[in-house]
Amino acid sequence: MASVTQFDTQTVRDWTNPQDDTAAIVKFPYEFVAPPRLALGLSQLDVDYKFNIRVKATAEKIQRDSAIYHITSWSDTLLYSGVVNSLDLAPANLEFRAGEHMRDLLANPNSPDGHGWRLETTAVNVDRKGFTLKIRTWADTILYRAQAAWVAYPEDREHIFSTSVNTDEVRPWTSPQAKTSKYKPFLGIKFARPPIVFVGLNTFDIKCGLNFRVNARVDNVSTSGFTWHLDTWGGTSLYSAGATIIAFD
């Protein structure tokens, strides 16, 4: 048993009222027999460009039917808005392993202003015993700290589809656009009904000088596929972005 839960800071406060910590009790789509395991992934952020990008997503007081979700910044960072998604896994669902450090779900970026904001998380050398998590930046970006969540499941597990999507499937990074999208089919995977979909950022390359704004989402979900979107707004130059997507029923 698994579900996806979302917390949006704008359900608590307006984006024009930035706060260091925004939290709320959020109900799961259904009640679990015992408190579930949660893998968190940020999917949308709007952060003031004049200060370091410091954002953290956490959950506490996890109950069978709800948890308290936090999206937090610290020091002088101004966090206007954020969205975090959680993949909620029943404790008895032992096919899934989850933790903090892999599967491309961006959870805690902290990078400085004055340089381009660039971060990429990938999992490589995956086998039955484990994997290698890579968190990297490039060019003039200075990365002080980053944390990623990970989810693993058997390769032959039925009725689940996972992939990483990126704006470079549609356009080169040298041609930043406010909106980038593409249809993605569930190749080789059959769903009896439109699946539940989890989305979490795993990559970004954003020009500093205007707010850090990025939004990863999906729509048009059917039994055969979905459309992913990696967008920005307000004049921000989004060179590239990527997201991890997990669909299941």
Protein backbone atom coordinates (compact mmCIF):
# COMPACT_ATOMS: atom_id res chain seq x y z
CA MET A 1 0.00 0.00 0.00
CA ALA A 2 1.32 3.43 -0.97
CA SER A 3 0.03 6.93 -1.66
CA VAL A 4 1.26 10.43 -2.50
CA THR A 5 0.63 13.46 -0.28
CA GLN A 6 1.35 17.11 -1.08
CA PHE A 7 1.98 20.16 1.10
CA ASP A 8 1.96 23.65 -0.43
CA THR A 9 3.01 26.62 1.73
CA GLN A 10 0.35 28.72 0.02
CA THR A 11 -2.35 26.65 1.72
CA VAL A 12 -1.10 28.24 4.97
CA ARG A 13 0.07 31.72 3.93
CA ASP A 14 0.32 33.94 0.87
CA TRP A 15 3.62 33.97 -1.04
CA THR A 16 3.97 37.68 -0.25
CA ASN A 17 4.43 36.80 3.43
CA PRO A 18 7.69 34.76 3.52
CA GLN A 19 8.43 32.87 6.73
CA ASP A 20 11.35 30.80 7.99
CA ASP A 21 9.12 27.83 8.72
CA THR A 22 5.73 27.04 7.23
CA ALA A 23 4.00 23.94 8.55
CA ALA A 24 0.63 22.23 8.59
CA ILE A 25 -1.03 18.97 9.51
CA VAL A 26 -1.77 17.22 6.21
CA LYS A 27 -4.06 14.22 5.86
CA PHE A 28 -2.92 11.21 3.84
CA PRO A 29 -5.26 10.09 1.04
CA TYR A 30 -6.28 7.18 3.28
CA GLU A 31 -5.47 5.83 6.73
CA PHE A 32 -2.67 3.29 7.10
CA VAL A 33 -2.64 0.40 9.54
CA ALA A 34 0.52 1.90 11.07
CA PRO A 35 2.39 5.20 10.48
CA PRO A 36 3.89 5.08 6.97
CA ARG A 37 7.45 5.74 5.86
CA LEU A 38 7.72 9.01 3.93
CA ALA A 39 10.13 9.88 1.13
CA LEU A 40 10.03 13.64 0.55
CA GLY A 41 10.75 15.55 -2.65
CA LEU A 42 10.49 19.28 -3.29
CA SER A 43 8.67 20.06 -6.53
CA GLN A 44 8.22 23.84 -6.45
CA LEU A 45 10.24 26.73 -4.99
CA ASP A 46 10.22 30.52 -5.10
CA VAL A 47 13.16 32.00 -3.17
CA ASP A 48 14.53 35.54 -3.10
CA TYR A 49 17.67 35.90 -5.23
CA LYS A 50 19.49 38.33 -2.89
CA PHE A 51 20.42 35.63 -0.37
CA ASN A 52 21.66 32.04 -0.33
CA ILE A 53 19.20 29.36 -1.39
CA ARG A 54 18.55 27.45 1.82
CA VAL A 55 15.47 25.22 1.88
CA LYS A 56 14.59 22.06 3.78
CA ALA A 57 11.51 19.82 3.65
CA THR A 58 10.70 17.62 6.65
CA ALA A 59 7.82 15.73 8.22
CA GLU A 60 7.21 14.99 11.89
CA LYS A 61 4.60 13.46 14.17
CA ILE A 62 3.72 10.92 11.52
CA GLN A 63 0.43 9.24 12.40
CA ARG A 64 -1.61 6.58 10.59
CA ASP A 65 -3.72 9.25 8.89
CA SER A 66 -1.59 12.41 8.83
CA ALA A 67 1.74 14.10 9.45
CA ILE A 68 3.03 17.60 10.10
CA TYR A 69 4.89 18.83 7.02
CA HIS A 70 7.45 21.65 7.16
CA ILE A 71 9.15 23.67 4.44
CA THR A 72 11.89 25.64 6.16
CA SER A 73 14.56 28.20 5.35
CA TRP A 74 17.13 29.71 7.67
CA SER A 75 19.58 32.58 8.18
CA ASP A 76 18.66 35.45 5.82
CA THR A 77 16.97 33.34 3.10
CA LEU A 78 13.51 34.55 2.05
CA LEU A 79 11.28 31.63 1.04
CA TYR A 80 8.20 32.93 -0.74
CA SER A 81 6.63 29.56 -1.52
CA GLY A 82 7.34 25.88 -1.80
CA VAL A 83 5.67 22.54 -2.49
CA VAL A 84 6.79 19.16 -1.18
CA ASN A 85 5.42 15.77 -2.21
CA SER A 86 5.77 12.62 -0.14
CA LEU A 87 5.69 9.03 -1.28
CA ASP A 88 3.87 7.34 1.60
CA LEU A 89 4.88 3.71 2.09
CA ALA A 90 3.13 1.28 4.41
CA PRO A 91 5.58 -0.31 6.90
CA ALA A 92 4.54 -3.78 5.73
CA ASN A 93 5.30 -2.92 2.10
CA LEU A 94 8.79 -4.43 2.21
CA GLU A 95 9.22 -4.39 -1.58
CA PHE A 96 10.03 -0.70 -1.23
CA ARG A 97 13.13 0.62 0.50
CA ALA A 98 13.44 4.31 1.29
CA GLY A 99 15.85 6.60 3.05
CA GLU A 100 17.65 9.93 2.93
CA HIS A 101 20.44 10.10 0.41
CA MET A 102 19.21 8.69 -3.07
CA ARG A 103 16.69 8.22 -5.95
CA ASP A 104 16.99 11.78 -7.23
CA LEU A 105 14.42 13.38 -4.94
CA LEU A 106 15.80 16.79 -4.03
CA ALA A 107 15.19 17.51 -0.35
CA ASN A 108 17.62 20.13 0.94
CA PRO A 109 19.55 22.48 -1.38
CA ASN A 110 21.83 25.15 0.16
CA SER A 111 23.80 27.10 -2.43
CA PRO A 112 25.07 30.69 -2.46
CA ASP A 113 23.87 33.80 -4.23
CA GLY A 114 26.13 35.54 -6.73
CA HIS A 115 26.71 32.37 -8.76
CA GLY A 116 24.45 30.31 -10.97
CA TRP A 117 22.29 27.86 -9.01
CA ARG A 118 23.17 24.37 -10.24
CA LEU A 119 22.60 20.98 -8.66
CA GLU A 120 22.17 17.43 -9.93
CA THR A 121 21.43 14.20 -8.06
CA THR A 122 21.76 10.77 -9.68
CA ALA A 123 21.98 7.15 -8.62
CA VAL A 124 24.55 4.96 -10.38
CA ASN A 125 26.02 1.47 -10.01
CA VAL A 126 22.67 0.10 -8.82
CA ASP A 127 22.63 -3.61 -7.99
CA ARG A 128 20.98 -5.97 -5.48
CA LYS A 129 23.27 -4.80 -2.66
CA GLY A 130 23.07 -1.04 -3.05
CA PHE A 131 23.98 1.93 -5.19
CA THR A 132 26.15 5.03 -5.40
CA LEU A 133 24.48 8.40 -4.85
CA LYS A 134 26.01 11.35 -6.69
CA ILE A 135 25.21 14.94 -5.74
CA ARG A 136 27.15 17.40 -7.85
CA THR A 137 27.34 20.94 -9.12
CA TRP A 138 29.41 22.52 -11.90
CA ALA A 139 30.83 25.79 -13.31
CA ASP A 140 31.05 28.57 -10.67
CA THR A 141 28.38 27.24 -8.29
CA ILE A 142 29.48 26.65 -4.70
CA LEU A 143 27.45 23.95 -2.96
CA TYR A 144 27.67 23.97 0.83
CA ARG A 145 25.23 21.18 1.56
CA ALA A 146 22.58 19.04 -0.13
CA GLN A 147 20.47 16.11 0.90
CA ALA A 148 18.46 13.72 -1.24
CA ALA A 149 15.85 11.10 -0.46
CA TRP A 150 15.87 7.73 -2.20
CA VAL A 151 13.39 5.01 -3.05
CA ALA A 152 14.24 1.53 -4.35
CA TYR A 153 12.05 -1.35 -5.48
CA PRO A 154 12.54 -4.70 -7.31
CA GLU A 155 13.21 -4.39 -11.03
CA ASP A 156 10.50 -6.94 -11.82
CA ARG A 157 7.86 -5.31 -9.63
CA GLU A 158 4.63 -4.98 -11.63
CA HIS A 159 2.38 -1.94 -11.99
CA ILE A 160 5.04 0.68 -11.31
CA PHE A 161 6.86 3.06 -13.63
CA SER A 162 9.74 5.37 -12.73
CA THR A 163 11.81 7.72 -14.83
CA SER A 164 13.87 10.89 -14.77
CA VAL A 165 12.79 13.67 -17.13
CA ASN A 166 14.69 16.81 -18.11
CA THR A 167 14.16 19.95 -20.14
CA ASP A 168 17.07 18.90 -22.37
CA GLU A 169 14.69 16.33 -23.93
CA VAL A 170 12.90 19.30 -25.51
CA ARG A 171 15.45 22.14 -25.82
CA PRO A 172 19.15 22.90 -25.16
CA TRP A 173 20.11 24.62 -21.90
CA THR A 174 21.30 27.61 -23.93
CA SER A 175 17.67 28.38 -24.86
CA PRO A 176 15.95 29.00 -21.50
CA GLN A 177 12.17 29.07 -21.59
CA ALA A 178 9.51 29.76 -18.99
CA LYS A 179 7.57 26.62 -19.86
CA THR A 180 8.84 23.24 -21.05
CA SER A 181 6.72 20.10 -21.32
CA LYS A 182 6.57 16.73 -23.04
CA TYR A 183 4.32 13.69 -23.19
CA LYS A 184 5.81 10.54 -21.62
CA PRO A 185 4.29 7.11 -22.34
CA PHE A 186 4.35 4.22 -19.85
CA LEU A 187 6.40 2.04 -22.17
CA GLY A 188 6.02 -1.63 -21.27
CA ILE A 189 3.90 -0.92 -18.18
CA LYS A 190 0.17 -1.62 -18.09
CA PHE A 191 -2.13 0.14 -15.66
CA ALA A 192 -5.78 -0.78 -15.20
CA ARG A 193 -6.60 2.80 -14.18
CA PRO A 194 -4.72 6.12 -14.19
CA PRO A 195 -1.92 5.68 -11.67
CA ILE A 196 -0.90 7.76 -8.68
CA VAL A 197 2.12 9.91 -9.58
CA PHE A 198 4.92 11.23 -7.41
CA VAL A 199 7.09 14.13 -8.64
CA GLY A 200 10.32 15.46 -7.10
CA LEU A 201 13.00 17.78 -8.46
CA ASN A 202 16.40 16.19 -9.07
CA THR A 203 18.23 18.81 -11.17
CA PHE A 204 18.27 22.55 -11.76
CA ASP A 205 20.39 25.15 -13.52
CA ILE A 206 19.03 28.65 -12.88
CA LYS A 207 20.55 32.05 -13.56
CA CYS A 208 21.00 34.18 -10.47
CA GLY A 209 19.89 37.82 -10.50
CA LEU A 210 16.17 37.11 -10.24
CA ASN A 211 14.31 34.87 -7.84
CA PHE A 212 14.97 31.13 -7.77
CA ARG A 213 11.71 29.87 -9.27
CA VAL A 214 11.04 26.35 -10.53
CA ASN A 215 7.98 24.14 -10.65
CA ALA A 216 7.82 20.44 -11.58
CA ARG A 217 4.41 18.87 -12.13
CA VAL A 218 2.46 16.40 -14.26
CA ASP A 219 -1.00 16.41 -15.82
CA ASN A 220 -3.04 14.48 -18.38
CA VAL A 221 -2.32 11.26 -16.45
CA SER A 222 -3.93 8.23 -18.11
CA THR A 223 -3.34 4.49 -18.25
CA SER A 224 -0.92 5.02 -21.15
CA GLY A 225 1.17 8.01 -20.03
CA PHE A 226 1.31 11.60 -18.77
CA THR A 227 2.61 15.06 -19.61
CA TRP A 228 5.42 16.49 -17.50
CA HIS A 229 6.07 20.20 -17.00
CA LEU A 230 9.23 21.97 -15.79
CA ASP A 231 8.44 25.67 -15.57
CA THR A 232 9.48 29.01 -14.13
CA TRP A 233 7.84 32.45 -14.01
CA GLY A 234 8.43 36.11 -13.19
CA GLY A 235 11.34 36.56 -15.58
CA THR A 236 13.59 33.89 -14.03
CA SER A 237 15.96 32.23 -16.54
CA LEU A 238 15.63 28.47 -16.18
CA TYR A 239 18.44 26.96 -18.23
CA SER A 240 17.50 23.41 -17.35
CA ALA A 241 15.69 21.32 -14.77
CA GLY A 242 14.90 17.69 -14.13
CA ALA A 243 12.55 15.63 -12.03
CA THR A 244 12.09 12.09 -10.81
CA ILE A 245 8.65 10.64 -11.50
CA ILE A 246 7.19 7.47 -9.97
CA ALA A 247 3.79 6.20 -11.11
CA PHE A 248 2.00 3.26 -9.48
CA ASP A 249 -1.42 1.84 -8.73
